[in-house]
């Protein structure tokens, strides 16, 4: 489990296709000191397993499923990636619950500034949009961000980014049309499951239904 608080940026130093998918080697001297074989690491929000360690690099095997579902398959030598190691039980949980299980991809449609903060408009698929709420949390490339607005008719969510997050992650180098890995809040998915609510059908969530289900 992760929190979406990116601790470091790594650099892709090699991409090697193989039968299983692609081997990704990441340069990250600081993180390598804390890693051991088999550890979980979030790369742009996608949970991967460390398969090899060197003095300043680590390697992961990105399987075909991960490559098809995330932006890992678009990584090239020289690309910067957001990195986070798995949460220790004793750590402060400063972000929100992030599993590293990417649900889909969003596209950057607009970037604007509000004082020193940045506002990003991201287009989501219609399948993911119901799981995102205003003032809720969403993980974008592994970064825990607060949703400031949801525009259902355009399938757009707006997230607010503070200056520290902007400069400490890969967000600063993004441009219009770039894609991001998205993980929606797991709590929303559990609520849907518990309520047996199907977002593809026209049904309303009522106080009576919540009371009936024990909420």
C-alpha atoms as a PDB file:
ATOM      1  CA  UNK A   1       0.000   0.000   0.000  1.00  0.00           C
ATOM      2  CA  UNK A   2       1.091   3.561  -0.759  1.00  0.00           C
ATOM      3  CA  UNK A   3      -0.040   7.068   0.190  1.00  0.00           C
ATOM      4  CA  UNK A   4       0.516   8.997  -3.031  1.00  0.00           C
ATOM      5  CA  UNK A   5       3.253  11.157  -1.505  1.00  0.00           C
ATOM      6  CA  UNK A   6       6.000  10.914  -4.115  1.00  0.00           C
ATOM      7  CA  UNK A   7       9.394  10.667  -2.420  1.00  0.00           C
ATOM      8  CA  UNK A   8      11.713  10.840  -5.423  1.00  0.00           C
ATOM      9  CA  UNK A   9      11.938  11.030  -9.195  1.00  0.00           C
ATOM     10  CA  UNK A  10      13.827   8.276 -10.980  1.00  0.00           C
ATOM     11  CA  UNK A  11      15.178   8.139 -14.531  1.00  0.00           C
ATOM     12  CA  UNK A  12      14.591   5.324 -17.007  1.00  0.00           C
ATOM     13  CA  UNK A  13      18.012   4.065 -18.140  1.00  0.00           C
ATOM     14  CA  UNK A  14      16.987   1.003 -20.144  1.00  0.00           C
ATOM     15  CA  UNK A  15      13.871  -0.611 -21.597  1.00  0.00           C
ATOM     16  CA  UNK A  16      14.248  -4.243 -22.668  1.00  0.00           C
ATOM     17  CA  UNK A  17      11.350  -6.090 -24.352  1.00  0.00           C
ATOM     18  CA  UNK A  18      11.038  -9.776 -23.432  1.00  0.00           C
ATOM     19  CA  UNK A  19       8.434 -12.553 -23.594  1.00  0.00           C
ATOM     20  CA  UNK A  20       6.858 -11.435 -20.333  1.00  0.00           C
ATOM     21  CA  UNK A  21       6.581  -7.746 -21.319  1.00  0.00           C
ATOM     22  CA  UNK A  22       9.359  -5.232 -20.661  1.00  0.00           C
ATOM     23  CA  UNK A  23      12.217  -4.960 -18.207  1.00  0.00           C
ATOM     24  CA  UNK A  24      12.490  -1.418 -16.926  1.00  0.00           C
ATOM     25  CA  UNK A  25      15.721  -0.245 -15.284  1.00  0.00           C
ATOM     26  CA  UNK A  26      15.382   2.885 -13.170  1.00  0.00           C
ATOM     27  CA  UNK A  27      18.200   5.071 -11.866  1.00  0.00           C
ATOM     28  CA  UNK A  28      17.465   6.044  -8.266  1.00  0.00           C
ATOM     29  CA  UNK A  29      20.524   5.987  -5.954  1.00  0.00           C
ATOM     30  CA  UNK A  30      18.596   7.074  -2.857  1.00  0.00           C
ATOM     31  CA  UNK A  31      15.822   4.505  -3.192  1.00  0.00           C
ATOM     32  CA  UNK A  32      18.181   1.630  -4.009  1.00  0.00           C
ATOM     33  CA  UNK A  33      19.767   2.034  -0.575  1.00  0.00           C
ATOM     34  CA  UNK A  34      16.382   1.267   1.021  1.00  0.00           C
ATOM     35  CA  UNK A  35      15.338  -1.535  -1.335  1.00  0.00           C
ATOM     36  CA  UNK A  36      15.671  -5.280  -1.289  1.00  0.00           C
ATOM     37  CA  UNK A  37      14.714  -7.902  -3.837  1.00  0.00           C
ATOM     38  CA  UNK A  38      10.951  -8.475  -4.008  1.00  0.00           C
ATOM     39  CA  UNK A  39      10.014  -5.063  -2.609  1.00  0.00           C
ATOM     40  CA  UNK A  40       7.034  -3.211  -4.038  1.00  0.00           C
ATOM     41  CA  UNK A  41       7.602   0.170  -5.629  1.00  0.00           C
ATOM     42  CA  UNK A  42       5.106   2.503  -7.291  1.00  0.00           C
ATOM     43  CA  UNK A  43       6.337   3.792 -10.667  1.00  0.00           C
ATOM     44  CA  UNK A  44       4.046   6.598 -11.821  1.00  0.00           C
ATOM     45  CA  UNK A  45       1.471   5.049  -9.514  1.00  0.00           C
ATOM     46  CA  UNK A  46       1.738   1.498 -10.888  1.00  0.00           C
ATOM     47  CA  UNK A  47       2.821  -1.059  -8.290  1.00  0.00           C
ATOM     48  CA  UNK A  48       5.769  -3.136  -9.522  1.00  0.00           C
ATOM     49  CA  UNK A  49       8.091  -5.694  -7.917  1.00  0.00           C
ATOM     50  CA  UNK A  50      11.842  -5.146  -7.702  1.00  0.00           C
ATOM     51  CA  UNK A  51      13.507  -8.020  -9.594  1.00  0.00           C
ATOM     52  CA  UNK A  52      17.104  -6.790  -9.693  1.00  0.00           C
ATOM     53  CA  UNK A  53      19.290  -4.346  -7.763  1.00  0.00           C
ATOM     54  CA  UNK A  54      22.543  -2.617  -8.673  1.00  0.00           C
ATOM     55  CA  UNK A  55      24.575   0.093  -6.940  1.00  0.00           C
ATOM     56  CA  UNK A  56      22.332   2.927  -8.109  1.00  0.00           C
ATOM     57  CA  UNK A  57      19.606   1.255 -10.206  1.00  0.00           C
ATOM     58  CA  UNK A  58      16.748  -1.160  -9.748  1.00  0.00           C
ATOM     59  CA  UNK A  59      14.850  -3.222 -12.295  1.00  0.00           C
ATOM     60  CA  UNK A  60      11.226  -4.335 -12.550  1.00  0.00           C
ATOM     61  CA  UNK A  61       9.421  -6.703 -14.885  1.00  0.00           C
ATOM     62  CA  UNK A  62       6.387  -4.904 -16.322  1.00  0.00           C
ATOM     63  CA  UNK A  63       4.059  -7.646 -17.571  1.00  0.00           C
ATOM     64  CA  UNK A  64       1.786  -7.338 -20.589  1.00  0.00           C
ATOM     65  CA  UNK A  65      -1.299  -6.579 -18.463  1.00  0.00           C
ATOM     66  CA  UNK A  66       0.452  -3.624 -16.836  1.00  0.00           C
ATOM     67  CA  UNK A  67       1.730  -2.355 -20.170  1.00  0.00           C
ATOM     68  CA  UNK A  68      -1.770  -2.461 -21.677  1.00  0.00           C
ATOM     69  CA  UNK A  69      -3.499  -0.793 -18.734  1.00  0.00           C
ATOM     70  CA  UNK A  70      -0.990   1.921 -17.789  1.00  0.00           C
ATOM     71  CA  UNK A  71       1.474   4.336 -19.372  1.00  0.00           C
ATOM     72  CA  UNK A  72       4.458   2.111 -18.462  1.00  0.00           C
ATOM     73  CA  UNK A  73       4.563   0.877 -22.031  1.00  0.00           C
ATOM     74  CA  UNK A  74       5.260   4.412 -23.285  1.00  0.00           C
ATOM     75  CA  UNK A  75       8.350   4.918 -21.113  1.00  0.00           C
ATOM     76  CA  UNK A  76      11.595   5.532 -22.965  1.00  0.00           C
ATOM     77  CA  UNK A  77      15.223   5.979 -21.936  1.00  0.00           C
ATOM     78  CA  UNK A  78      15.635   9.339 -20.236  1.00  0.00           C
ATOM     79  CA  UNK A  79      12.049   9.662 -19.061  1.00  0.00           C
ATOM     80  CA  UNK A  80      11.547  10.760 -15.455  1.00  0.00           C
ATOM     81  CA  UNK A  81       9.134   8.786 -13.259  1.00  0.00           C
ATOM     82  CA  UNK A  82       7.511   9.349  -9.866  1.00  0.00           C
ATOM     83  CA  UNK A  83       8.640   6.844  -7.241  1.00  0.00           C
ATOM     84  CA  UNK A  84       7.227   5.757  -3.892  1.00  0.00           C
ATOM     85  CA  UNK A  85       8.167   2.797  -1.724  1.00  0.00           C
ATOM     86  CA  UNK A  86       5.489   0.774   0.037  1.00  0.00           C
ATOM     87  CA  UNK A  87       4.096   2.238   3.253  1.00  0.00           C
ATOM     88  CA  UNK A  88       5.493   1.079   6.580  1.00  0.00           C
ATOM     89  CA  UNK A  89       2.866   0.467   9.305  1.00  0.00           C
ATOM     90  CA  UNK A  90       4.610   3.112  11.444  1.00  0.00           C
ATOM     91  CA  UNK A  91       4.562   5.852   8.775  1.00  0.00           C
ATOM     92  CA  UNK A  92       2.298   8.892   8.835  1.00  0.00           C
ATOM     93  CA  UNK A  93      -0.395   8.595   6.216  1.00  0.00           C
ATOM     94  CA  UNK A  94      -0.217  12.044   4.672  1.00  0.00           C
ATOM     95  CA  UNK A  95      -2.026  11.296   1.404  1.00  0.00           C
ATOM     96  CA  UNK A  96      -4.764   8.694   0.957  1.00  0.00           C
ATOM     97  CA  UNK A  97      -4.954   4.915   0.492  1.00  0.00           C
ATOM     98  CA  UNK A  98      -3.239   4.112  -2.819  1.00  0.00           C
ATOM     99  CA  UNK A  99      -2.879   0.465  -3.839  1.00  0.00           C
ATOM    100  CA  UNK A 100      -0.795   0.946  -6.957  1.00  0.00           C
ATOM    101  CA  UNK A 101      -3.507  -0.804  -8.964  1.00  0.00           C
ATOM    102  CA  UNK A 102      -3.981   1.567 -11.890  1.00  0.00           C
ATOM    103  CA  UNK A 103      -7.598   1.730 -13.066  1.00  0.00           C
ATOM    104  CA  UNK A 104      -7.043   3.539 -16.332  1.00  0.00           C
ATOM    105  CA  UNK A 105      -5.474   6.494 -18.103  1.00  0.00           C
ATOM    106  CA  UNK A 106      -6.396  10.194 -18.122  1.00  0.00           C
ATOM    107  CA  UNK A 107      -5.434  12.849 -20.673  1.00  0.00           C
ATOM    108  CA  UNK A 108      -4.317  16.374 -19.780  1.00  0.00           C
ATOM    109  CA  UNK A 109      -6.649  18.845 -21.497  1.00  0.00           C
ATOM    110  CA  UNK A 110      -5.815  22.133 -19.764  1.00  0.00           C
ATOM    111  CA  UNK A 111      -3.267  23.577 -17.349  1.00  0.00           C
ATOM    112  CA  UNK A 112      -3.699  26.927 -15.629  1.00  0.00           C
ATOM    113  CA  UNK A 113      -2.302  28.711 -12.591  1.00  0.00           C
ATOM    114  CA  UNK A 114      -4.069  30.229  -9.610  1.00  0.00           C
ATOM    115  CA  UNK A 115      -1.532  32.214  -7.676  1.00  0.00           C
ATOM    116  CA  UNK A 116       1.320  29.779  -7.058  1.00  0.00           C
ATOM    117  CA  UNK A 117      -0.954  26.749  -7.394  1.00  0.00           C
ATOM    118  CA  UNK A 118      -1.651  24.900 -10.632  1.00  0.00           C
ATOM    119  CA  UNK A 119      -4.982  23.570 -11.872  1.00  0.00           C
ATOM    120  CA  UNK A 120      -5.008  20.567 -14.191  1.00  0.00           C
ATOM    121  CA  UNK A 121      -8.059  19.523 -16.206  1.00  0.00           C
ATOM    122  CA  UNK A 122      -7.938  15.804 -16.930  1.00  0.00           C
ATOM    123  CA  UNK A 123     -10.266  13.835 -19.184  1.00  0.00           C
ATOM    124  CA  UNK A 124     -11.340  10.480 -17.741  1.00  0.00           C
ATOM    125  CA  UNK A 125     -13.214   7.568 -19.240  1.00  0.00           C
ATOM    126  CA  UNK A 126     -16.942   7.377 -18.499  1.00  0.00           C
ATOM    127  CA  UNK A 127     -16.259   4.181 -16.520  1.00  0.00           C
ATOM    128  CA  UNK A 128     -13.958   5.934 -14.031  1.00  0.00           C
ATOM    129  CA  UNK A 129     -15.770   9.256 -13.692  1.00  0.00           C
ATOM    130  CA  UNK A 130     -18.452   8.046 -11.209  1.00  0.00           C
ATOM    131  CA  UNK A 131     -15.735   7.117  -8.685  1.00  0.00           C
ATOM    132  CA  UNK A 132     -14.409  10.683  -8.475  1.00  0.00           C
ATOM    133  CA  UNK A 133     -16.065  13.330  -6.311  1.00  0.00           C
ATOM    134  CA  UNK A 134     -15.422  17.005  -5.649  1.00  0.00           C
ATOM    135  CA  UNK A 135     -13.059  17.459  -2.651  1.00  0.00           C
ATOM    136  CA  UNK A 136     -12.228  13.745  -2.801  1.00  0.00           C
ATOM    137  CA  UNK A 137      -8.860  12.161  -3.579  1.00  0.00           C
ATOM    138  CA  UNK A 138      -7.415  10.634  -6.739  1.00  0.00           C
ATOM    139  CA  UNK A 139      -3.946   9.308  -7.585  1.00  0.00           C
ATOM    140  CA  UNK A 140      -2.476  10.777 -10.788  1.00  0.00           C
ATOM    141  CA  UNK A 141       0.799   9.097 -11.825  1.00  0.00           C
ATOM    142  CA  UNK A 142       1.033   7.980  -8.212  1.00  0.00           C
ATOM    143  CA  UNK A 143       0.523  11.476  -6.786  1.00  0.00           C
ATOM    144  CA  UNK A 144      -2.236  11.924  -4.208  1.00  0.00           C
ATOM    145  CA  UNK A 145      -4.236  14.963  -5.346  1.00  0.00           C
ATOM    146  CA  UNK A 146      -7.447  16.662  -4.250  1.00  0.00           C
ATOM    147  CA  UNK A 147     -10.284  16.967  -6.759  1.00  0.00           C
ATOM    148  CA  UNK A 148     -11.494  20.562  -6.931  1.00  0.00           C
ATOM    149  CA  UNK A 149     -14.179  20.067  -9.577  1.00  0.00           C
ATOM    150  CA  UNK A 150     -15.954  17.362 -11.602  1.00  0.00           C
ATOM    151  CA  UNK A 151     -17.626  18.139 -14.921  1.00  0.00           C
ATOM    152  CA  UNK A 152     -19.613  15.081 -15.877  1.00  0.00           C
ATOM    153  CA  UNK A 153     -20.829  16.394 -19.213  1.00  0.00           C
ATOM    154  CA  UNK A 154     -17.249  16.781 -20.475  1.00  0.00           C
ATOM    155  CA  UNK A 155     -15.767  13.856 -18.510  1.00  0.00           C
ATOM    156  CA  UNK A 156     -13.327  16.321 -16.937  1.00  0.00           C
ATOM    157  CA  UNK A 157     -11.947  16.407 -13.402  1.00  0.00           C
ATOM    158  CA  UNK A 158      -9.888  19.320 -12.103  1.00  0.00           C
ATOM    159  CA  UNK A 159      -7.121  18.759  -9.581  1.00  0.00           C
ATOM    160  CA  UNK A 160      -5.223  21.372  -7.610  1.00  0.00           C
ATOM    161  CA  UNK A 161      -1.439  21.111  -7.300  1.00  0.00           C
ATOM    162  CA  UNK A 162       0.610  23.024  -4.733  1.00  0.00           C
ATOM    163  CA  UNK A 163       4.057  24.402  -5.699  1.00  0.00           C
ATOM    164  CA  UNK A 164       5.986  21.728  -3.755  1.00  0.00           C
ATOM    165  CA  UNK A 165       4.176  18.869  -5.500  1.00  0.00           C
ATOM    166  CA  UNK A 166       4.564  20.605  -8.867  1.00  0.00           C
ATOM    167  CA  UNK A 167       8.340  20.857  -8.572  1.00  0.00           C
ATOM    168  CA  UNK A 168       8.972  17.579  -6.701  1.00  0.00           C
ATOM    169  CA  UNK A 169       7.186  15.329  -9.231  1.00  0.00           C
ATOM    170  CA  UNK A 170       7.034  14.845 -12.991  1.00  0.00           C
ATOM    171  CA  UNK A 171       4.001  17.164 -13.296  1.00  0.00           C
ATOM    172  CA  UNK A 172       6.209  20.147 -14.082  1.00  0.00           C
ATOM    173  CA  UNK A 173       7.314  18.608 -17.380  1.00  0.00           C
ATOM    174  CA  UNK A 174       3.870  17.589 -18.643  1.00  0.00           C
ATOM    175  CA  UNK A 175       2.147  19.178 -21.626  1.00  0.00           C
ATOM    176  CA  UNK A 176      -1.357  19.215 -23.096  1.00  0.00           C
ATOM    177  CA  UNK A 177      -2.268  15.810 -24.516  1.00  0.00           C
ATOM    178  CA  UNK A 178       0.043  13.844 -22.207  1.00  0.00           C
ATOM    179  CA  UNK A 179      -1.439  10.853 -20.427  1.00  0.00           C
ATOM    180  CA  UNK A 180      -1.393   9.880 -16.757  1.00  0.00           C
ATOM    181  CA  UNK A 181      -2.018   6.699 -14.812  1.00  0.00           C
ATOM    182  CA  UNK A 182      -5.162   7.042 -12.692  1.00  0.00           C
ATOM    183  CA  UNK A 183      -6.174   5.175  -9.555  1.00  0.00           C
ATOM    184  CA  UNK A 184      -9.528   6.126  -8.088  1.00  0.00           C
ATOM    185  CA  UNK A 185     -10.246   6.013  -4.355  1.00  0.00           C
ATOM    186  CA  UNK A 186     -10.719   2.386  -3.284  1.00  0.00           C
ATOM    187  CA  UNK A 187     -13.403   3.447  -0.793  1.00  0.00           C
ATOM    188  CA  UNK A 188     -15.694   4.504  -3.659  1.00  0.00           C
ATOM    189  CA  UNK A 189     -15.327   1.077  -5.254  1.00  0.00           C
ATOM    190  CA  UNK A 190     -16.155  -0.699  -1.991  1.00  0.00           C
ATOM    191  CA  UNK A 191     -19.236   1.468  -1.491  1.00  0.00           C
ATOM    192  CA  UNK A 192     -20.436   0.591  -4.986  1.00  0.00           C
ATOM    193  CA  UNK A 193     -19.902  -3.091  -4.299  1.00  0.00           C
ATOM    194  CA  UNK A 194     -21.677  -3.011  -0.941  1.00  0.00           C
ATOM    195  CA  UNK A 195     -24.658  -1.153  -2.323  1.00  0.00           C
ATOM    196  CA  UNK A 196     -24.887  -3.262  -5.446  1.00  0.00           C
ATOM    197  CA  UNK A 197     -25.101   0.018  -7.353  1.00  0.00           C
ATOM    198  CA  UNK A 198     -24.615  -0.141 -11.121  1.00  0.00           C
ATOM    199  CA  UNK A 199     -23.485   3.211 -12.526  1.00  0.00           C
ATOM    200  CA  UNK A 200     -24.401   2.097 -16.041  1.00  0.00           C
ATOM    201  CA  UNK A 201     -28.069   1.991 -15.115  1.00  0.00           C
ATOM    202  CA  UNK A 202     -30.333   4.883 -14.195  1.00  0.00           C
ATOM    203  CA  UNK A 203     -30.813   4.448 -10.459  1.00  0.00           C
ATOM    204  CA  UNK A 204     -30.635   6.893  -7.589  1.00  0.00           C
ATOM    205  CA  UNK A 205     -28.716   6.590  -4.358  1.00  0.00           C
ATOM    206  CA  UNK A 206     -31.206   7.551  -1.641  1.00  0.00           C
ATOM    207  CA  UNK A 207     -31.099   7.968   2.132  1.00  0.00           C
ATOM    208  CA  UNK A 208     -33.580   5.074   2.366  1.00  0.00           C
ATOM    209  CA  UNK A 209     -31.243   2.780   0.423  1.00  0.00           C
ATOM    210  CA  UNK A 210     -28.245   3.781   2.559  1.00  0.00           C
ATOM    211  CA  UNK A 211     -30.256   3.152   5.739  1.00  0.00           C
ATOM    212  CA  UNK A 212     -31.385  -0.220   4.425  1.00  0.00           C
ATOM    213  CA  UNK A 213     -27.750  -1.187   3.753  1.00  0.00           C
ATOM    214  CA  UNK A 214     -26.663  -0.213   7.253  1.00  0.00           C
ATOM    215  CA  UNK A 215     -25.032   3.173   6.587  1.00  0.00           C
END
